[in-house]
Amino acid sequence: MENVQKESVPILEMLGITIRFPGVLANDNVDLELFPGEVLALLGENGAGKSTLMNVLAGLYRADSGRILIKGKEVEINSPKDAMALGIGMVHQNFKLVETMTVAENVILGLDSEDFILDLKKVGNRIREISDHYNLKVDPGAMIWQMSVGEQQRVEILKLIYRGAEVLILDEPTAVLTPQEAKDLNRIVKQMTSEGKSAIFITHKMDEVMEFSDWVRVLQKGRLVSVVKTKDTSPKDLSRMMVGREVLFRIEKEPSVPGEVVLKVENVVAMNDKGLKALKGISFSIRKGEILGIAGVAGNGQRELTEVITGLHKVVSGKIIIENTDMTNKSPLEIIKSGVSHIPSDRVAMGIVGDMSVANNLAMKEYRKEPLTKYGILHPKRIFTMAKKMITAFMIATPSPLTNVKFLSGGNIQKTILAREIGACSSLLVAAYPARGLDVGATESVRNEMIAERDNGRAVLLVSEDLDELMSVSDRIAVMNGGHIMGIVDADKSDIAGLGMMMAGVPLEELK
């Protein structure tokens, strides 16, 4: 590979980094350099070693071999505290927050610089200053467990800014942000880099690579294969470097042929974890052979909507009718038995059991039935055989079906959940952000799977903040704001401007 020459001295260098896990060579002699005021995009398929490489830099993993230099001086990073002392901070795909603590408590957790007697009011005021300055509004006194995924992401970003990071590592940071929030993040990063700070950006969104970054490094199966200047490449070229083939950025699908109503939501009211109304009289229906997309900024009732449908959240009033049966406030098991599958927004907390094998995670919906169970006895060999087929079909990168699922990359954890839920679905698929954290090739595959489910007569509820995804995959789009549905439009007649206005709280009637 061509060695790229630059004039200034790197703020950061990683030389010959190699790291192994059982059965996996995660990084193979990888070099990386980052310059002051620069944004570097790190690309690669799921499991290519991007997050592993950054976890070495962030002090979570130790490399088997290689060196790290900060401003030309070799350093050892044995912990996140060491990394932060060197000005390196990382926002992870799976947030590192303590759910039973407040925002302010999480921000200062582990800091030696705070006074012996904590002044949380002073900390809260500083958090509000940063939050207002960067337009990432977060309540310092809010409990983490009460916050949406998008709000928790903002807390992670605030935490690093509060701690004065010089090098900001962002691992899929916009996966839970709206387009406007992503632009705000870009502004934050640009502001930091204008002050001489630097950022490494892991993403699978090609438009963000082109807009945010100065340079791109591409990993394949743990090895560095390309280094290019962003202005000298294109999304198609980068996608080809990542997956080794042409990737279609537009999904082709036949018009839907809707059948009978599968899901009917009638005037549903539900509370959030803070005791406030999250759903305020929601009504809609989905038919067989139809995909209804749900658009909206995180925290506007999408999570509560998916959870009342799947039995994870109680309805205060209104009805949830599935296949002409009233399933309001039924248990999750009863909902599962009715043929409903659920891809949750928080894949680690709700989608998997990390200490169980990939095979057992794949079997969690079907283990009660034959052939996996007979006369109440589980058959491990049959589970193993089924898992091998699903791993192949969904291209899950795992050393073995017996590997604990927590050792997989974020994207491959998502593929495991997708394989299990799509495989078990017989009537309704509730999919919350199913392509989050997936590379371009896998995203293309997931979107095609959604359409295939539709074409096989399933009803699909697709929750996403990616308006392009909703417009290309959905048949109709409902927009949520403040617990209300602002309007439902045909996807082929929608546009980003109109959807964005409804996401901001303008009812559809006022747009006509």
Foldseek 3Di string as FASTA:
>chain_A
DDDDDDDDQFQKKWFQFWADDVLAGLAGGAIDTHHWLFEEEEEAFFSLNPVVVVCCLQQNDPTPDTFMDGRRHTDHRNHNVSNVVSQEAEQDPAGPADQQAFLLCRLCPPPPPADPDHDSVVSQVVLCVVCVVLVLDDRRGDGNNQFWPLNSLSSSVSSSVVSRHLEYEYALSCLQFFPVVLVSVLVVQSVSSVVGGYYYYYHQDQVCCLVRGQKYWYGGSNYTDDIDGSVVDHSQVNLCSHPVDGFDPFDDDDAFDFDAWFKWWFQWWFAGPVRHILAGGDTDIWGWLFEEEEAARTPNNPQVVLCQQQLNGATPDTFIAGPNRTCHNPHNVVSLVSQEFEQHPNCPVPNADQQFFLLVSLCVSPCVDPPQDDPRDGDVVVSQVVSVVLCVVLVQDDSGSRDRLNPGGPQSSLSSSVSSRLVRGDAEYEYESSCRPGHSVSSSVVLVSLSVSSVVTHTYYYYRSPLSSCLRRGQKYFYGGNNYTLDIGGSPPDDPVLNVVVNVPHHPVVVD
